[in-house]
Amino acid sequence: MKALSEAEWNIMESLWEYSPKVGSQITADMVTRTGWSRSTTLTMLKRMSEKGLIACEDNGRMRT
């Protein structure tokens, strides 16, 4: 297994604080931690999900 990138670590640390989280919570956290925009954070979440690093679940209008 390949090591996590620094960007992936940032998201994992946010999730390790508590989870599940919805995308808006992670987005807000990443703005504070890294200055990332909403679209950057959502792109990272999508890529991490595709790699199997995180799991996302649809809950109506939100994904956790």
PDB file of N, CA and C in Angstrom:
ATOM      1  N   MET A   1       0.850  -1.190   0.000  1.00  0.00           N
ATOM      2  CA  MET A   1       0.000   0.000   0.000  1.00  0.00           C
ATOM      3  C   MET A   1       0.884   1.238   0.000  1.00  0.00           C
ATOM      4  N   LYS A   2       0.497   2.195  -0.789  1.00  0.00           N
ATOM      5  CA  LYS A   2       1.220   3.448  -0.902  1.00  0.00           C
ATOM      6  C   LYS A   2       0.937   4.331   0.312  1.00  0.00           C
ATOM      7  N   ALA A   3       1.948   5.082   0.733  1.00  0.00           N
ATOM      8  CA  ALA A   3       1.795   5.992   1.869  1.00  0.00           C
ATOM      9  C   ALA A   3       0.842   7.131   1.506  1.00  0.00           C
ATOM     10  N   LEU A   4       0.191   7.673   2.518  1.00  0.00           N
ATOM     11  CA  LEU A   4      -0.708   8.811   2.314  1.00  0.00           C
ATOM     12  C   LEU A   4       0.095  10.060   1.977  1.00  0.00           C
ATOM     13  N   SER A   5      -0.461  10.872   1.095  1.00  0.00           N
ATOM     14  CA  SER A   5       0.154  12.170   0.800  1.00  0.00           C
ATOM     15  C   SER A   5      -0.125  13.116   1.965  1.00  0.00           C
ATOM     16  N   GLU A   6       0.571  14.234   1.975  1.00  0.00           N
ATOM     17  CA  GLU A   6       0.331  15.234   3.026  1.00  0.00           C
ATOM     18  C   GLU A   6      -1.116  15.721   2.984  1.00  0.00           C
ATOM     19  N   ALA A   7      -1.649  15.922   1.789  1.00  0.00           N
ATOM     20  CA  ALA A   7      -3.032  16.367   1.638  1.00  0.00           C
ATOM     21  C   ALA A   7      -4.000  15.327   2.209  1.00  0.00           C
ATOM     22  N   GLU A   8      -3.754  14.051   1.919  1.00  0.00           N
ATOM     23  CA  GLU A   8      -4.599  12.983   2.456  1.00  0.00           C
ATOM     24  C   GLU A   8      -4.507  12.919   3.971  1.00  0.00           C
ATOM     25  N   TRP A   9      -3.312  13.121   4.511  1.00  0.00           N
ATOM     26  CA  TRP A   9      -3.147  13.139   5.967  1.00  0.00           C
ATOM     27  C   TRP A   9      -3.985  14.236   6.606  1.00  0.00           C
ATOM     28  N   ASN A  10      -4.023  15.410   5.977  1.00  0.00           N
ATOM     29  CA  ASN A  10      -4.827  16.512   6.523  1.00  0.00           C
ATOM     30  C   ASN A  10      -6.282  16.101   6.686  1.00  0.00           C
ATOM     31  N   ILE A  11      -6.823  15.451   5.680  1.00  0.00           N
ATOM     32  CA  ILE A  11      -8.222  15.017   5.748  1.00  0.00           C
ATOM     33  C   ILE A  11      -8.382  13.909   6.778  1.00  0.00           C
ATOM     34  N   MET A  12      -7.467  12.957   6.801  1.00  0.00           N
ATOM     35  CA  MET A  12      -7.557  11.861   7.771  1.00  0.00           C
ATOM     36  C   MET A  12      -7.520  12.392   9.202  1.00  0.00           C
ATOM     37  N   GLU A  13      -6.656  13.363   9.462  1.00  0.00           N
ATOM     38  CA  GLU A  13      -6.589  13.941  10.808  1.00  0.00           C
ATOM     39  C   GLU A  13      -7.915  14.591  11.189  1.00  0.00           C
ATOM     40  N   SER A  14      -8.545  15.252  10.243  1.00  0.00           N
ATOM     41  CA  SER A  14      -9.853  15.847  10.500  1.00  0.00           C
ATOM     42  C   SER A  14     -10.873  14.763  10.848  1.00  0.00           C
ATOM     43  N   LEU A  15     -10.863  13.677  10.087  1.00  0.00           N
ATOM     44  CA  LEU A  15     -11.816  12.585  10.341  1.00  0.00           C
ATOM     45  C   LEU A  15     -11.509  11.855  11.644  1.00  0.00           C
ATOM     46  N   TRP A  16     -10.247  11.745  12.000  1.00  0.00           N
ATOM     47  CA  TRP A  16      -9.881  11.048  13.234  1.00  0.00           C
ATOM     48  C   TRP A  16     -10.320  11.825  14.480  1.00  0.00           C
ATOM     49  N   GLU A  17     -10.475  13.135  14.362  1.00  0.00           N
ATOM     50  CA  GLU A  17     -10.945  13.924  15.506  1.00  0.00           C
ATOM     51  C   GLU A  17     -12.332  13.458  15.916  1.00  0.00           C
ATOM     52  N   TYR A  18     -13.184  13.269  14.955  1.00  0.00           N
ATOM     53  CA  TYR A  18     -14.482  12.605  15.150  1.00  0.00           C
ATOM     54  C   TYR A  18     -15.073  12.341  13.781  1.00  0.00           C
ATOM     55  N   SER A  19     -15.796  11.294  13.696  1.00  0.00           N
ATOM     56  CA  SER A  19     -16.503  10.973  12.462  1.00  0.00           C
ATOM     57  C   SER A  19     -17.694  10.107  12.815  1.00  0.00           C
ATOM     58  N   PRO A  20     -18.692  10.036  11.979  1.00  0.00           N
ATOM     59  CA  PRO A  20     -18.690  10.578  10.633  1.00  0.00           C
ATOM     60  C   PRO A  20     -18.866  12.084  10.622  1.00  0.00           C
ATOM     61  N   LYS A  21     -18.421  12.681   9.550  1.00  0.00           N
ATOM     62  CA  LYS A  21     -18.604  14.106   9.294  1.00  0.00           C
ATOM     63  C   LYS A  21     -19.260  14.250   7.934  1.00  0.00           C
ATOM     64  N   VAL A  22     -20.006  15.323   7.769  1.00  0.00           N
ATOM     65  CA  VAL A  22     -20.548  15.636   6.448  1.00  0.00           C
ATOM     66  C   VAL A  22     -19.532  16.506   5.713  1.00  0.00           C
ATOM     67  N   GLY A  23     -19.673  16.560   4.403  1.00  0.00           N
ATOM     68  CA  GLY A  23     -18.720  17.296   3.582  1.00  0.00           C
ATOM     69  C   GLY A  23     -18.517  18.734   4.021  1.00  0.00           C
ATOM     70  N   SER A  24     -19.580  19.412   4.427  1.00  0.00           N
ATOM     71  CA  SER A  24     -19.445  20.818   4.834  1.00  0.00           C
ATOM     72  C   SER A  24     -18.591  20.961   6.093  1.00  0.00           C
ATOM     73  N   GLN A  25     -18.631  19.976   6.982  1.00  0.00           N
ATOM     74  CA  GLN A  25     -17.794  20.020   8.181  1.00  0.00           C
ATOM     75  C   GLN A  25     -16.321  19.850   7.824  1.00  0.00           C
ATOM     76  N   ILE A  26     -16.041  18.924   6.925  1.00  0.00           N
ATOM     77  CA  ILE A  26     -14.658  18.712   6.503  1.00  0.00           C
ATOM     78  C   ILE A  26     -14.168  19.929   5.719  1.00  0.00           C
ATOM     79  N   THR A  27     -15.019  20.477   4.862  1.00  0.00           N
ATOM     80  CA  THR A  27     -14.653  21.665   4.095  1.00  0.00           C
ATOM     81  C   THR A  27     -14.286  22.816   5.016  1.00  0.00           C
ATOM     82  N   ALA A  28     -15.104  23.063   6.029  1.00  0.00           N
ATOM     83  CA  ALA A  28     -14.817  24.137   6.985  1.00  0.00           C
ATOM     84  C   ALA A  28     -13.515  23.871   7.729  1.00  0.00           C
ATOM     85  N   ASP A  29     -13.286  22.642   8.105  1.00  0.00           N
ATOM     86  CA  ASP A  29     -12.059  22.286   8.811  1.00  0.00           C
ATOM     87  C   ASP A  29     -10.833  22.489   7.917  1.00  0.00           C
ATOM     88  N   MET A  30     -10.942  22.126   6.644  1.00  0.00           N
ATOM     89  CA  MET A  30      -9.803  22.256   5.734  1.00  0.00           C
ATOM     90  C   MET A  30      -9.493  23.714   5.416  1.00  0.00           C
ATOM     91  N   VAL A  31     -10.518  24.571   5.403  1.00  0.00           N
ATOM     92  CA  VAL A  31     -10.261  26.010   5.217  1.00  0.00           C
ATOM     93  C   VAL A  31      -9.373  26.505   6.354  1.00  0.00           C
ATOM     94  N   THR A  32      -9.694  26.101   7.583  1.00  0.00           N
ATOM     95  CA  THR A  32      -8.923  26.517   8.748  1.00  0.00           C
ATOM     96  C   THR A  32      -7.530  25.906   8.746  1.00  0.00           C
ATOM     97  N   ARG A  33      -7.431  24.618   8.476  1.00  0.00           N
ATOM     98  CA  ARG A  33      -6.147  23.911   8.533  1.00  0.00           C
ATOM     99  C   ARG A  33      -5.209  24.254   7.387  1.00  0.00           C
ATOM    100  N   THR A  34      -5.765  24.345   6.178  1.00  0.00           N
ATOM    101  CA  THR A  34      -4.908  24.421   4.994  1.00  0.00           C
ATOM    102  C   THR A  34      -5.197  25.595   4.076  1.00  0.00           C
ATOM    103  N   GLY A  35      -6.361  26.229   4.223  1.00  0.00           N
ATOM    104  CA  GLY A  35      -6.751  27.297   3.321  1.00  0.00           C
ATOM    105  C   GLY A  35      -7.370  26.792   2.025  1.00  0.00           C
ATOM    106  N   TRP A  36      -7.658  25.473   1.962  1.00  0.00           N
ATOM    107  CA  TRP A  36      -8.246  24.897   0.756  1.00  0.00           C
ATOM    108  C   TRP A  36      -9.640  25.443   0.509  1.00  0.00           C
ATOM    109  N   SER A  37      -9.991  25.534  -0.759  1.00  0.00           N
ATOM    110  CA  SER A  37     -11.357  25.904  -1.140  1.00  0.00           C
ATOM    111  C   SER A  37     -12.270  24.682  -0.984  1.00  0.00           C
ATOM    112  N   ARG A  38     -13.558  24.944  -1.082  1.00  0.00           N
ATOM    113  CA  ARG A  38     -14.549  23.865  -0.991  1.00  0.00           C
ATOM    114  C   ARG A  38     -14.309  22.838  -2.096  1.00  0.00           C
ATOM    115  N   SER A  39     -14.074  23.314  -3.317  1.00  0.00           N
ATOM    116  CA  SER A  39     -13.911  22.386  -4.439  1.00  0.00           C
ATOM    117  C   SER A  39     -12.659  21.531  -4.290  1.00  0.00           C
ATOM    118  N   THR A  40     -11.584  22.089  -3.763  1.00  0.00           N
ATOM    119  CA  THR A  40     -10.367  21.307  -3.534  1.00  0.00           C
ATOM    120  C   THR A  40     -10.632  20.199  -2.529  1.00  0.00           C
ATOM    121  N   THR A  41     -11.305  20.536  -1.445  1.00  0.00           N
ATOM    122  CA  THR A  41     -11.608  19.542  -0.416  1.00  0.00           C
ATOM    123  C   THR A  41     -12.504  18.440  -0.967  1.00  0.00           C
ATOM    124  N   LEU A  42     -13.548  18.820  -1.692  1.00  0.00           N
ATOM    125  CA  LEU A  42     -14.452  17.814  -2.244  1.00  0.00           C
ATOM    126  C   LEU A  42     -13.752  16.924  -3.271  1.00  0.00           C
ATOM    127  N   THR A  43     -12.851  17.492  -4.045  1.00  0.00           N
ATOM    128  CA  THR A  43     -12.072  16.691  -4.994  1.00  0.00           C
ATOM    129  C   THR A  43     -11.205  15.681  -4.240  1.00  0.00           C
ATOM    130  N   MET A  44     -10.558  16.131  -3.176  1.00  0.00           N
ATOM    131  CA  MET A  44      -9.724  15.221  -2.377  1.00  0.00           C
ATOM    132  C   MET A  44     -10.566  14.108  -1.769  1.00  0.00           C
ATOM    133  N   LEU A  45     -11.741  14.440  -1.254  1.00  0.00           N
ATOM    134  CA  LEU A  45     -12.620  13.426  -0.671  1.00  0.00           C
ATOM    135  C   LEU A  45     -13.037  12.400  -1.721  1.00  0.00           C
ATOM    136  N   LYS A  46     -13.359  12.871  -2.917  1.00  0.00           N
ATOM    137  CA  LYS A  46     -13.755  11.961  -3.996  1.00  0.00           C
ATOM    138  C   LYS A  46     -12.607  11.027  -4.351  1.00  0.00           C
ATOM    139  N   ARG A  47     -11.410  11.566  -4.506  1.00  0.00           N
ATOM    140  CA  ARG A  47     -10.243  10.748  -4.846  1.00  0.00           C
ATOM    141  C   ARG A  47      -9.926   9.736  -3.753  1.00  0.00           C
ATOM    142  N   MET A  48     -10.026  10.174  -2.507  1.00  0.00           N
ATOM    143  CA  MET A  48      -9.739   9.269  -1.389  1.00  0.00           C
ATOM    144  C   MET A  48     -10.775   8.148  -1.319  1.00  0.00           C
ATOM    145  N   SER A  49     -12.009   8.474  -1.631  1.00  0.00           N
ATOM    146  CA  SER A  49     -13.060   7.460  -1.658  1.00  0.00           C
ATOM    147  C   SER A  49     -12.798   6.457  -2.779  1.00  0.00           C
ATOM    148  N   GLU A  50     -12.409   6.946  -3.944  1.00  0.00           N
ATOM    149  CA  GLU A  50     -12.108   6.069  -5.083  1.00  0.00           C
ATOM    150  C   GLU A  50     -10.928   5.143  -4.789  1.00  0.00           C
ATOM    151  N   LYS A  51      -9.971   5.617  -3.989  1.00  0.00           N
ATOM    152  CA  LYS A  51      -8.809   4.808  -3.604  1.00  0.00           C
ATOM    153  C   LYS A  51      -9.141   3.819  -2.496  1.00  0.00           C
ATOM    154  N   GLY A  52     -10.314   3.977  -1.888  1.00  0.00           N
ATOM    155  CA  GLY A  52     -10.694   3.108  -0.785  1.00  0.00           C
ATOM    156  C   GLY A  52     -10.128   3.543   0.557  1.00  0.00           C
ATOM    157  N   LEU A  53      -9.635   4.772   0.639  1.00  0.00           N
ATOM    158  CA  LEU A  53      -9.063   5.275   1.883  1.00  0.00           C
ATOM    159  C   LEU A  53     -10.139   5.704   2.877  1.00  0.00           C
ATOM    160  N   ILE A  54     -11.263   6.168   2.346  1.00  0.00           N
ATOM    161  CA  ILE A  54     -12.399   6.561   3.178  1.00  0.00           C
ATOM    162  C   ILE A  54     -13.669   6.003   2.548  1.00  0.00           C
ATOM    163  N   ALA A  55     -14.714   5.939   3.327  1.00  0.00           N
ATOM    164  CA  ALA A  55     -16.013   5.499   2.824  1.00  0.00           C
ATOM    165  C   ALA A  55     -16.991   6.657   2.942  1.00  0.00           C
ATOM    166  N   CYS A  56     -17.778   6.847   1.908  1.00  0.00           N
ATOM    167  CA  CYS A  56     -18.806   7.887   1.903  1.00  0.00           C
ATOM    168  C   CYS A  56     -20.164   7.231   1.790  1.00  0.00           C
ATOM    169  N   GLU A  57     -21.129   7.830   2.470  1.00  0.00           N
ATOM    170  CA  GLU A  57     -22.489   7.312   2.466  1.00  0.00           C
ATOM    171  C   GLU A  57     -23.444   8.453   2.161  1.00  0.00           C
ATOM    172  N   ASP A  58     -24.370   8.232   1.227  1.00  0.00           N
ATOM    173  CA  ASP A  58     -25.386   9.241   0.915  1.00  0.00           C
ATOM    174  C   ASP A  58     -26.496   9.201   1.953  1.00  0.00           C
ATOM    175  N   ASN A  59     -26.789  10.362   2.502  1.00  0.00           N
ATOM    176  CA  ASN A  59     -27.880  10.506   3.478  1.00  0.00           C
ATOM    177  C   ASN A  59     -28.813  11.607   3.003  1.00  0.00           C
ATOM    178  N   GLY A  60     -29.533  11.341   1.948  1.00  0.00           N
ATOM    179  CA  GLY A  60     -30.430  12.362   1.411  1.00  0.00           C
ATOM    180  C   GLY A  60     -29.630  13.425   0.692  1.00  0.00           C
ATOM    181  N   ARG A  61     -29.657  14.637   1.197  1.00  0.00           N
ATOM    182  CA  ARG A  61     -28.946  15.759   0.559  1.00  0.00           C
ATOM    183  C   ARG A  61     -27.469  15.805   0.919  1.00  0.00           C
ATOM    184  N   MET A  62     -27.060  15.072   1.938  1.00  0.00           N
ATOM    185  CA  MET A  62     -25.678  15.142   2.400  1.00  0.00           C
ATOM    186  C   MET A  62     -24.968  13.801   2.275  1.00  0.00           C
ATOM    187  N   ARG A  63     -23.663  13.876   2.194  1.00  0.00           N
ATOM    188  CA  ARG A  63     -22.831  12.674   2.211  1.00  0.00           C
ATOM    189  C   ARG A  63     -22.015  12.694   3.500  1.00  0.00           C
ATOM    190  N   THR A  64     -21.954  11.565   4.162  1.00  0.00           N
ATOM    191  CA  THR A  64     -21.127  11.463   5.367  1.00  0.00           C
ATOM    192  C   THR A  64     -19.987  10.515   5.098  1.00  0.00           C
TER     193      THR A  64
END
